[in-house]
Amino acid sequence: MPRPDTVVILAAGQGTRMKTAAPKVLAPLLGRPLLAWVVDQALALEPERVIVVVGHGADDVQKAAAGLDPRGRLRFVRQEPQKGTGHALQCCLQ
């Protein structure tokens, strides 16, 4: 399988169905935030960069992701306002 140039992780959601004020991607699973598991899988593909789309709790999500990639491939894009999945991807085009 060819190596991807870019992987996009959609992490801007509010998590209203989870009934929590915290960003849903920071919910713990086996002692780690959900985001950490997804970032690990994205980085395993050896892309040039990983774009993490943040929105709700953006600062907290960025802090949580800060130490997950020692090679510095993580990039953050803010989705403001949050208008859904398609809009989140459009925010990455720049």
PDB file of N, CA and C in Angstrom:
ATOM      1  N   MET A   1       0.839  -1.172   0.000  1.00  0.00           N
ATOM      2  CA  MET A   1       0.000   0.000   0.000  1.00  0.00           C
ATOM      3  C   MET A   1       0.894   1.249   0.000  1.00  0.00           C
ATOM      4  N   PRO A   2       0.604   2.204  -0.873  1.00  0.00           N
ATOM      5  CA  PRO A   2       1.422   3.417  -0.909  1.00  0.00           C
ATOM      6  C   PRO A   2       1.246   4.250   0.360  1.00  0.00           C
ATOM      7  N   ARG A   3       2.277   4.981   0.700  1.00  0.00           N
ATOM      8  CA  ARG A   3       2.258   5.835   1.885  1.00  0.00           C
ATOM      9  C   ARG A   3       1.453   7.100   1.590  1.00  0.00           C
ATOM     10  N   PRO A   4       0.506   7.461   2.461  1.00  0.00           N
ATOM     11  CA  PRO A   4      -0.286   8.679   2.226  1.00  0.00           C
ATOM     12  C   PRO A   4       0.545   9.922   2.540  1.00  0.00           C
ATOM     13  N   ASP A   5       0.281  10.992   1.802  1.00  0.00           N
ATOM     14  CA  ASP A   5       0.927  12.274   2.100  1.00  0.00           C
ATOM     15  C   ASP A   5       0.328  12.886   3.355  1.00  0.00           C
ATOM     16  N   THR A   6      -1.007  12.797   3.442  1.00  0.00           N
ATOM     17  CA  THR A   6      -1.731  13.462   4.521  1.00  0.00           C
ATOM     18  C   THR A   6      -2.824  12.559   5.065  1.00  0.00           C
ATOM     19  N   VAL A   7      -2.964  12.564   6.378  1.00  0.00           N
ATOM     20  CA  VAL A   7      -4.078  11.908   7.054  1.00  0.00           C
ATOM     21  C   VAL A   7      -4.828  13.000   7.809  1.00  0.00           C
ATOM     22  N   VAL A   8      -6.153  12.999   7.717  1.00  0.00           N
ATOM     23  CA  VAL A   8      -6.979  13.982   8.420  1.00  0.00           C
ATOM     24  C   VAL A   8      -7.747  13.280   9.531  1.00  0.00           C
ATOM     25  N   ILE A   9      -7.658  13.841  10.724  1.00  0.00           N
ATOM     26  CA  ILE A   9      -8.410  13.344  11.873  1.00  0.00           C
ATOM     27  C   ILE A   9      -9.438  14.405  12.249  1.00  0.00           C
ATOM     28  N   LEU A  10     -10.698  14.023  12.236  1.00  0.00           N
ATOM     29  CA  LEU A  10     -11.770  14.952  12.580  1.00  0.00           C
ATOM     30  C   LEU A  10     -12.006  14.898  14.088  1.00  0.00           C
ATOM     31  N   ALA A  11     -11.614  15.966  14.782  1.00  0.00           N
ATOM     32  CA  ALA A  11     -11.679  15.979  16.245  1.00  0.00           C
ATOM     33  C   ALA A  11     -12.328  17.252  16.768  1.00  0.00           C
ATOM     34  N   ALA A  12     -13.282  17.795  16.021  1.00  0.00           N
ATOM     35  CA  ALA A  12     -13.877  19.078  16.401  1.00  0.00           C
ATOM     36  C   ALA A  12     -15.236  18.949  17.080  1.00  0.00           C
ATOM     37  N   GLY A  13     -15.779  17.749  17.144  1.00  0.00           N
ATOM     38  CA  GLY A  13     -17.148  17.562  17.623  1.00  0.00           C
ATOM     39  C   GLY A  13     -17.349  17.881  19.086  1.00  0.00           C
ATOM     40  N   GLN A  14     -18.587  18.211  19.411  1.00  0.00           N
ATOM     41  CA  GLN A  14     -18.938  18.574  20.784  1.00  0.00           C
ATOM     42  C   GLN A  14     -19.229  17.370  21.667  1.00  0.00           C
ATOM     43  N   GLY A  15     -19.644  16.277  21.107  1.00  0.00           N
ATOM     44  CA  GLY A  15     -19.968  15.116  21.919  1.00  0.00           C
ATOM     45  C   GLY A  15     -21.262  15.256  22.684  1.00  0.00           C
ATOM     46  N   THR A  16     -22.256  15.903  22.088  1.00  0.00           N
ATOM     47  CA  THR A  16     -23.514  16.137  22.803  1.00  0.00           C
ATOM     48  C   THR A  16     -24.203  14.837  23.190  1.00  0.00           C
ATOM     49  N   ARG A  17     -24.091  13.809  22.373  1.00  0.00           N
ATOM     50  CA  ARG A  17     -24.732  12.528  22.719  1.00  0.00           C
ATOM     51  C   ARG A  17     -24.017  11.829  23.866  1.00  0.00           C
ATOM     52  N   MET A  18     -22.763  12.200  24.103  1.00  0.00           N
ATOM     53  CA  MET A  18     -22.014  11.625  25.218  1.00  0.00           C
ATOM     54  C   MET A  18     -22.350  12.331  26.536  1.00  0.00           C
ATOM     55  N   LYS A  19     -23.076  13.453  26.434  1.00  0.00           N
ATOM     56  CA  LYS A  19     -23.508  14.212  27.607  1.00  0.00           C
ATOM     57  C   LYS A  19     -22.331  14.606  28.518  1.00  0.00           C
ATOM     58  N   THR A  20     -21.312  15.203  27.899  1.00  0.00           N
ATOM     59  CA  THR A  20     -20.161  15.685  28.642  1.00  0.00           C
ATOM     60  C   THR A  20     -19.768  17.055  28.121  1.00  0.00           C
ATOM     61  N   ALA A  21     -19.241  17.881  28.989  1.00  0.00           N
ATOM     62  CA  ALA A  21     -18.784  19.207  28.570  1.00  0.00           C
ATOM     63  C   ALA A  21     -17.417  19.129  27.897  1.00  0.00           C
ATOM     64  N   ALA A  22     -16.665  18.091  28.197  1.00  0.00           N
ATOM     65  CA  ALA A  22     -15.324  17.930  27.624  1.00  0.00           C
ATOM     66  C   ALA A  22     -15.427  17.463  26.174  1.00  0.00           C
ATOM     67  N   PRO A  23     -14.437  17.780  25.354  1.00  0.00           N
ATOM     68  CA  PRO A  23     -14.427  17.282  23.975  1.00  0.00           C
ATOM     69  C   PRO A  23     -14.465  15.751  23.956  1.00  0.00           C
ATOM     70  N   LYS A  24     -15.274  15.187  23.077  1.00  0.00           N
ATOM     71  CA  LYS A  24     -15.434  13.729  23.073  1.00  0.00           C
ATOM     72  C   LYS A  24     -14.143  12.998  22.746  1.00  0.00           C
ATOM     73  N   VAL A  25     -13.254  13.617  21.981  1.00  0.00           N
ATOM     74  CA  VAL A  25     -12.008  12.930  21.629  1.00  0.00           C
ATOM     75  C   VAL A  25     -11.066  12.793  22.819  1.00  0.00           C
ATOM     76  N   LEU A  26     -11.386  13.471  23.920  1.00  0.00           N
ATOM     77  CA  LEU A  26     -10.574  13.346  25.131  1.00  0.00           C
ATOM     78  C   LEU A  26     -11.153  12.356  26.126  1.00  0.00           C
ATOM     79  N   ALA A  27     -12.273  11.741  25.785  1.00  0.00           N
ATOM     80  CA  ALA A  27     -12.842  10.704  26.655  1.00  0.00           C
ATOM     81  C   ALA A  27     -11.824   9.571  26.790  1.00  0.00           C
ATOM     82  N   PRO A  28     -11.661   9.039  27.996  1.00  0.00           N
ATOM     83  CA  PRO A  28     -10.651   8.000  28.192  1.00  0.00           C
ATOM     84  C   PRO A  28     -11.111   6.615  27.711  1.00  0.00           C
ATOM     85  N   LEU A  29     -10.154   5.882  27.181  1.00  0.00           N
ATOM     86  CA  LEU A  29     -10.359   4.480  26.809  1.00  0.00           C
ATOM     87  C   LEU A  29      -9.084   3.739  27.162  1.00  0.00           C
ATOM     88  N   LEU A  30      -9.167   2.830  28.103  1.00  0.00           N
ATOM     89  CA  LEU A  30      -8.009   2.055  28.562  1.00  0.00           C
ATOM     90  C   LEU A  30      -6.860   2.960  28.997  1.00  0.00           C
ATOM     91  N   GLY A  31      -7.207   4.040  29.717  1.00  0.00           N
ATOM     92  CA  GLY A  31      -6.196   4.902  30.291  1.00  0.00           C
ATOM     93  C   GLY A  31      -5.627   5.971  29.371  1.00  0.00           C
ATOM     94  N   ARG A  32      -6.133   6.061  28.162  1.00  0.00           N
ATOM     95  CA  ARG A  32      -5.650   7.067  27.211  1.00  0.00           C
ATOM     96  C   ARG A  32      -6.849   7.754  26.572  1.00  0.00           C
ATOM     97  N   PRO A  33      -6.687   9.006  26.147  1.00  0.00           N
ATOM     98  CA  PRO A  33      -7.792   9.649  25.436  1.00  0.00           C
ATOM     99  C   PRO A  33      -8.033   8.975  24.087  1.00  0.00           C
ATOM    100  N   LEU A  34      -9.282   8.973  23.648  1.00  0.00           N
ATOM    101  CA  LEU A  34      -9.614   8.376  22.342  1.00  0.00           C
ATOM    102  C   LEU A  34      -8.710   8.928  21.244  1.00  0.00           C
ATOM    103  N   LEU A  35      -8.431  10.217  21.296  1.00  0.00           N
ATOM    104  CA  LEU A  35      -7.589  10.841  20.278  1.00  0.00           C
ATOM    105  C   LEU A  35      -6.219  10.182  20.168  1.00  0.00           C
ATOM    106  N   ALA A  36      -5.645   9.785  21.282  1.00  0.00           N
ATOM    107  CA  ALA A  36      -4.313   9.161  21.261  1.00  0.00           C
ATOM    108  C   ALA A  36      -4.309   7.873  20.449  1.00  0.00           C
ATOM    109  N   TRP A  37      -5.355   7.086  20.560  1.00  0.00           N
ATOM    110  CA  TRP A  37      -5.432   5.836  19.803  1.00  0.00           C
ATOM    111  C   TRP A  37      -5.509   6.115  18.304  1.00  0.00           C
ATOM    112  N   VAL A  38      -6.287   7.130  17.932  1.00  0.00           N
ATOM    113  CA  VAL A  38      -6.450   7.467  16.513  1.00  0.00           C
ATOM    114  C   VAL A  38      -5.159   8.046  15.951  1.00  0.00           C
ATOM    115  N   VAL A  39      -4.511   8.910  16.706  1.00  0.00           N
ATOM    116  CA  VAL A  39      -3.236   9.485  16.247  1.00  0.00           C
ATOM    117  C   VAL A  39      -2.202   8.384  16.055  1.00  0.00           C
ATOM    118  N   ASP A  40      -2.133   7.441  16.975  1.00  0.00           N
ATOM    119  CA  ASP A  40      -1.191   6.317  16.832  1.00  0.00           C
ATOM    120  C   ASP A  40      -1.408   5.575  15.516  1.00  0.00           C
ATOM    121  N   GLN A  41      -2.652   5.301  15.189  1.00  0.00           N
ATOM    122  CA  GLN A  41      -2.953   4.578  13.954  1.00  0.00           C
ATOM    123  C   GLN A  41      -2.617   5.411  12.726  1.00  0.00           C
ATOM    124  N   ALA A  42      -2.908   6.708  12.784  1.00  0.00           N
ATOM    125  CA  ALA A  42      -2.582   7.593  11.664  1.00  0.00           C
ATOM    126  C   ALA A  42      -1.071   7.656  11.450  1.00  0.00           C
ATOM    127  N   LEU A  43      -0.310   7.788  12.519  1.00  0.00           N
ATOM    128  CA  LEU A  43       1.142   7.875  12.398  1.00  0.00           C
ATOM    129  C   LEU A  43       1.764   6.563  11.931  1.00  0.00           C
ATOM    130  N   ALA A  44       1.113   5.456  12.240  1.00  0.00           N
ATOM    131  CA  ALA A  44       1.613   4.148  11.793  1.00  0.00           C
ATOM    132  C   ALA A  44       1.615   4.037  10.270  1.00  0.00           C
ATOM    133  N   LEU A  45       0.821   4.859   9.602  1.00  0.00           N
ATOM    134  CA  LEU A  45       0.785   4.876   8.139  1.00  0.00           C
ATOM    135  C   LEU A  45       1.979   5.619   7.544  1.00  0.00           C
ATOM    136  N   GLU A  46       2.783   6.262   8.396  1.00  0.00           N
ATOM    137  CA  GLU A  46       3.967   7.013   7.982  1.00  0.00           C
ATOM    138  C   GLU A  46       3.663   8.147   7.009  1.00  0.00           C
ATOM    139  N   PRO A  47       2.648   8.967   7.292  1.00  0.00           N
ATOM    140  CA  PRO A  47       2.353  10.084   6.395  1.00  0.00           C
ATOM    141  C   PRO A  47       3.354  11.223   6.593  1.00  0.00           C
ATOM    142  N   GLU A  48       3.371  12.140   5.643  1.00  0.00           N
ATOM    143  CA  GLU A  48       4.195  13.342   5.802  1.00  0.00           C
ATOM    144  C   GLU A  48       3.628  14.226   6.903  1.00  0.00           C
ATOM    145  N   ARG A  49       2.312  14.271   6.984  1.00  0.00           N
ATOM    146  CA  ARG A  49       1.666  15.094   8.003  1.00  0.00           C
ATOM    147  C   ARG A  49       0.315  14.494   8.381  1.00  0.00           C
ATOM    148  N   VAL A  50      -0.113  14.838   9.587  1.00  0.00           N
ATOM    149  CA  VAL A  50      -1.439  14.471  10.067  1.00  0.00           C
ATOM    150  C   VAL A  50      -2.121  15.770  10.460  1.00  0.00           C
ATOM    151  N   ILE A  51      -3.254  16.053   9.832  1.00  0.00           N
ATOM    152  CA  ILE A  51      -4.027  17.250  10.156  1.00  0.00           C
ATOM    153  C   ILE A  51      -5.127  16.850  11.129  1.00  0.00           C
ATOM    154  N   VAL A  52      -5.146  17.511  12.273  1.00  0.00           N
ATOM    155  CA  VAL A  52      -6.171  17.283  13.276  1.00  0.00           C
ATOM    156  C   VAL A  52      -7.097  18.498  13.252  1.00  0.00           C
ATOM    157  N   VAL A  53      -8.343  18.279  12.870  1.00  0.00           N
ATOM    158  CA  VAL A  53      -9.326  19.362  12.841  1.00  0.00           C
ATOM    159  C   VAL A  53      -9.906  19.492  14.241  1.00  0.00           C
ATOM    160  N   VAL A  54      -9.738  20.672  14.838  1.00  0.00           N
ATOM    161  CA  VAL A  54     -10.219  20.917  16.189  1.00  0.00           C
ATOM    162  C   VAL A  54     -11.294  21.990  16.165  1.00  0.00           C
ATOM    163  N   GLY A  55     -12.119  21.982  17.165  1.00  0.00           N
ATOM    164  CA  GLY A  55     -13.198  22.961  17.274  1.00  0.00           C
ATOM    165  C   GLY A  55     -13.573  23.117  18.728  1.00  0.00           C
ATOM    166  N   HIS A  56     -14.514  22.291  19.176  1.00  0.00           N
ATOM    167  CA  HIS A  56     -14.957  22.319  20.572  1.00  0.00           C
ATOM    168  C   HIS A  56     -13.782  21.943  21.476  1.00  0.00           C
ATOM    169  N   GLY A  57     -13.420  22.820  22.402  1.00  0.00           N
ATOM    170  CA  GLY A  57     -12.306  22.541  23.310  1.00  0.00           C
ATOM    171  C   GLY A  57     -10.972  22.452  22.596  1.00  0.00           C
ATOM    172  N   ALA A  58     -10.795  23.257  21.547  1.00  0.00           N
ATOM    173  CA  ALA A  58      -9.608  23.167  20.695  1.00  0.00           C
ATOM    174  C   ALA A  58      -8.303  23.234  21.479  1.00  0.00           C
ATOM    175  N   ASP A  59      -8.204  24.138  22.425  1.00  0.00           N
ATOM    176  CA  ASP A  59      -6.960  24.279  23.187  1.00  0.00           C
ATOM    177  C   ASP A  59      -6.647  23.013  23.982  1.00  0.00           C
ATOM    178  N   ASP A  60      -7.676  22.430  24.604  1.00  0.00           N
ATOM    179  CA  ASP A  60      -7.481  21.202  25.377  1.00  0.00           C
ATOM    180  C   ASP A  60      -7.094  20.036  24.473  1.00  0.00           C
ATOM    181  N   VAL A  61      -7.706  19.958  23.301  1.00  0.00           N
ATOM    182  CA  VAL A  61      -7.394  18.879  22.360  1.00  0.00           C
ATOM    183  C   VAL A  61      -5.955  19.017  21.873  1.00  0.00           C
ATOM    184  N   GLN A  62      -5.536  20.231  21.555  1.00  0.00           N
ATOM    185  CA  GLN A  62      -4.164  20.445  21.100  1.00  0.00           C
ATOM    186  C   GLN A  62      -3.152  20.109  22.189  1.00  0.00           C
ATOM    187  N   LYS A  63      -3.448  20.474  23.421  1.00  0.00           N
ATOM    188  CA  LYS A  63      -2.554  20.140  24.535  1.00  0.00           C
ATOM    189  C   LYS A  63      -2.437  18.632  24.702  1.00  0.00           C
ATOM    190  N   ALA A  64      -3.558  17.941  24.603  1.00  0.00           N
ATOM    191  CA  ALA A  64      -3.548  16.484  24.766  1.00  0.00           C
ATOM    192  C   ALA A  64      -2.754  15.808  23.659  1.00  0.00           C
ATOM    193  N   ALA A  65      -2.769  16.387  22.467  1.00  0.00           N
ATOM    194  CA  ALA A  65      -2.085  15.779  21.320  1.00  0.00           C
ATOM    195  C   ALA A  65      -0.621  16.189  21.228  1.00  0.00           C
ATOM    196  N   ALA A  66      -0.216  17.191  21.989  1.00  0.00           N
ATOM    197  CA  ALA A  66       1.113  17.791  21.846  1.00  0.00           C
ATOM    198  C   ALA A  66       2.256  16.774  21.894  1.00  0.00           C
ATOM    199  N   GLY A  67       2.203  15.830  22.793  1.00  0.00           N
ATOM    200  CA  GLY A  67       3.317  14.899  22.935  1.00  0.00           C
ATOM    201  C   GLY A  67       3.145  13.585  22.196  1.00  0.00           C
ATOM    202  N   LEU A  68       2.153  13.489  21.349  1.00  0.00           N
ATOM    203  CA  LEU A  68       1.862  12.209  20.693  1.00  0.00           C
ATOM    204  C   LEU A  68       2.720  11.939  19.462  1.00  0.00           C
ATOM    205  N   ASP A  69       3.363  12.973  18.924  1.00  0.00           N
ATOM    206  CA  ASP A  69       4.167  12.797  17.713  1.00  0.00           C
ATOM    207  C   ASP A  69       5.523  13.474  17.863  1.00  0.00           C
ATOM    208  N   PRO A  70       6.529  12.724  18.285  1.00  0.00           N
ATOM    209  CA  PRO A  70       7.851  13.323  18.474  1.00  0.00           C
ATOM    210  C   PRO A  70       8.493  13.823  17.173  1.00  0.00           C
ATOM    211  N   ARG A  71       8.019  13.343  16.034  1.00  0.00           N
ATOM    212  CA  ARG A  71       8.591  13.785  14.750  1.00  0.00           C
ATOM    213  C   ARG A  71       7.917  15.036  14.200  1.00  0.00           C
ATOM    214  N   GLY A  72       6.918  15.554  14.881  1.00  0.00           N
ATOM    215  CA  GLY A  72       6.305  16.820  14.512  1.00  0.00           C
ATOM    216  C   GLY A  72       5.456  16.811  13.258  1.00  0.00           C
ATOM    217  N   ARG A  73       4.762  15.721  12.991  1.00  0.00           N
ATOM    218  CA  ARG A  73       3.914  15.653  11.800  1.00  0.00           C
ATOM    219  C   ARG A  73       2.499  16.140  12.044  1.00  0.00           C
ATOM    220  N   LEU A  74       2.130  16.381  13.300  1.00  0.00           N
ATOM    221  CA  LEU A  74       0.775  16.841  13.602  1.00  0.00           C
ATOM    222  C   LEU A  74       0.622  18.319  13.286  1.00  0.00           C
ATOM    223  N   ARG A  75      -0.442  18.643  12.573  1.00  0.00           N
ATOM    224  CA  ARG A  75      -0.820  20.023  12.277  1.00  0.00           C
ATOM    225  C   ARG A  75      -2.258  20.196  12.749  1.00  0.00           C
ATOM    226  N   PHE A  76      -2.604  21.370  13.217  1.00  0.00           N
ATOM    227  CA  PHE A  76      -3.949  21.612  13.725  1.00  0.00           C
ATOM    228  C   PHE A  76      -4.640  22.679  12.889  1.00  0.00           C
ATOM    229  N   VAL A  77      -5.892  22.419  12.572  1.00  0.00           N
ATOM    230  CA  VAL A  77      -6.736  23.347  11.832  1.00  0.00           C
ATOM    231  C   VAL A  77      -7.996  23.549  12.663  1.00  0.00           C
ATOM    232  N   ARG A  78      -8.366  24.804  12.863  1.00  0.00           N
ATOM    233  CA  ARG A  78      -9.589  25.102  13.633  1.00  0.00           C
ATOM    234  C   ARG A  78     -10.785  25.196  12.705  1.00  0.00           C
ATOM    235  N   GLN A  79     -11.846  24.534  13.102  1.00  0.00           N
ATOM    236  CA  GLN A  79     -13.115  24.615  12.386  1.00  0.00           C
ATOM    237  C   GLN A  79     -14.018  25.549  13.178  1.00  0.00           C
ATOM    238  N   GLU A  80     -14.128  26.782  12.705  1.00  0.00           N
ATOM    239  CA  GLU A  80     -14.979  27.777  13.360  1.00  0.00           C
ATOM    240  C   GLU A  80     -15.750  28.534  12.304  1.00  0.00           C
ATOM    241  N   PRO A  81     -17.036  28.546  12.319  1.00  0.00           N
ATOM    242  CA  PRO A  81     -17.912  27.758  13.193  1.00  0.00           C
ATOM    243  C   PRO A  81     -17.953  26.304  12.732  1.00  0.00           C
ATOM    244  N   GLN A  82     -18.481  25.462  13.575  1.00  0.00           N
ATOM    245  CA  GLN A  82     -18.595  24.038  13.246  1.00  0.00           C
ATOM    246  C   GLN A  82     -19.868  23.815  12.446  1.00  0.00           C
ATOM    247  N   LYS A  83     -19.672  23.437  11.189  1.00  0.00           N
ATOM    248  CA  LYS A  83     -20.809  23.245  10.287  1.00  0.00           C
ATOM    249  C   LYS A  83     -20.882  21.821   9.747  1.00  0.00           C
ATOM    250  N   GLY A  84     -20.313  20.871  10.457  1.00  0.00           N
ATOM    251  CA  GLY A  84     -20.420  19.480  10.039  1.00  0.00           C
ATOM    252  C   GLY A  84     -19.145  18.905   9.445  1.00  0.00           C
ATOM    253  N   THR A  85     -19.238  17.627   9.082  1.00  0.00           N
ATOM    254  CA  THR A  85     -18.087  16.866   8.616  1.00  0.00           C
ATOM    255  C   THR A  85     -17.505  17.413   7.313  1.00  0.00           C
ATOM    256  N   GLY A  86     -18.361  17.668   6.340  1.00  0.00           N
ATOM    257  CA  GLY A  86     -17.880  18.190   5.059  1.00  0.00           C
ATOM    258  C   GLY A  86     -17.168  19.522   5.233  1.00  0.00           C
ATOM    259  N   HIS A  87     -17.720  20.374   6.064  1.00  0.00           N
ATOM    260  CA  HIS A  87     -17.100  21.664   6.339  1.00  0.00           C
ATOM    261  C   HIS A  87     -15.746  21.475   7.017  1.00  0.00           C
ATOM    262  N   ALA A  88     -15.638  20.498   7.900  1.00  0.00           N
ATOM    263  CA  ALA A  88     -14.370  20.221   8.582  1.00  0.00           C
ATOM    264  C   ALA A  88     -13.278  19.894   7.559  1.00  0.00           C
ATOM    265  N   LEU A  89     -13.617  19.102   6.578  1.00  0.00           N
ATOM    266  CA  LEU A  89     -12.646  18.768   5.530  1.00  0.00           C
ATOM    267  C   LEU A  89     -12.305  19.978   4.675  1.00  0.00           C
ATOM    268  N   GLN A  90     -13.285  20.819   4.401  1.00  0.00           N
ATOM    269  CA  GLN A  90     -13.027  22.042   3.635  1.00  0.00           C
ATOM    270  C   GLN A  90     -12.020  22.935   4.373  1.00  0.00           C
ATOM    271  N   CYS A  91     -12.056  22.949   5.682  1.00  0.00           N
ATOM    272  CA  CYS A  91     -11.123  23.755   6.449  1.00  0.00           C
ATOM    273  C   CYS A  91      -9.678  23.324   6.259  1.00  0.00           C
ATOM    274  N   CYS A  92      -9.471  22.098   5.819  1.00  0.00           N
ATOM    275  CA  CYS A  92      -8.130  21.550   5.620  1.00  0.00           C
ATOM    276  C   CYS A  92      -7.540  21.913   4.267  1.00  0.00           C
ATOM    277  N   LEU A  93      -8.341  22.391   3.348  1.00  0.00           N
ATOM    278  CA  LEU A  93      -7.866  22.634   1.991  1.00  0.00           C
ATOM    279  C   LEU A  93      -6.783  23.708   1.912  1.00  0.00           C
ATOM    280  N   GLN A  94      -6.816  24.664   2.812  1.00  0.00           N
ATOM    281  CA  GLN A  94      -5.800  25.717   2.793  1.00  0.00           C
ATOM    282  C   GLN A  94      -4.479  25.156   3.206  1.00  0.00           C
TER     283      GLN A  94
END
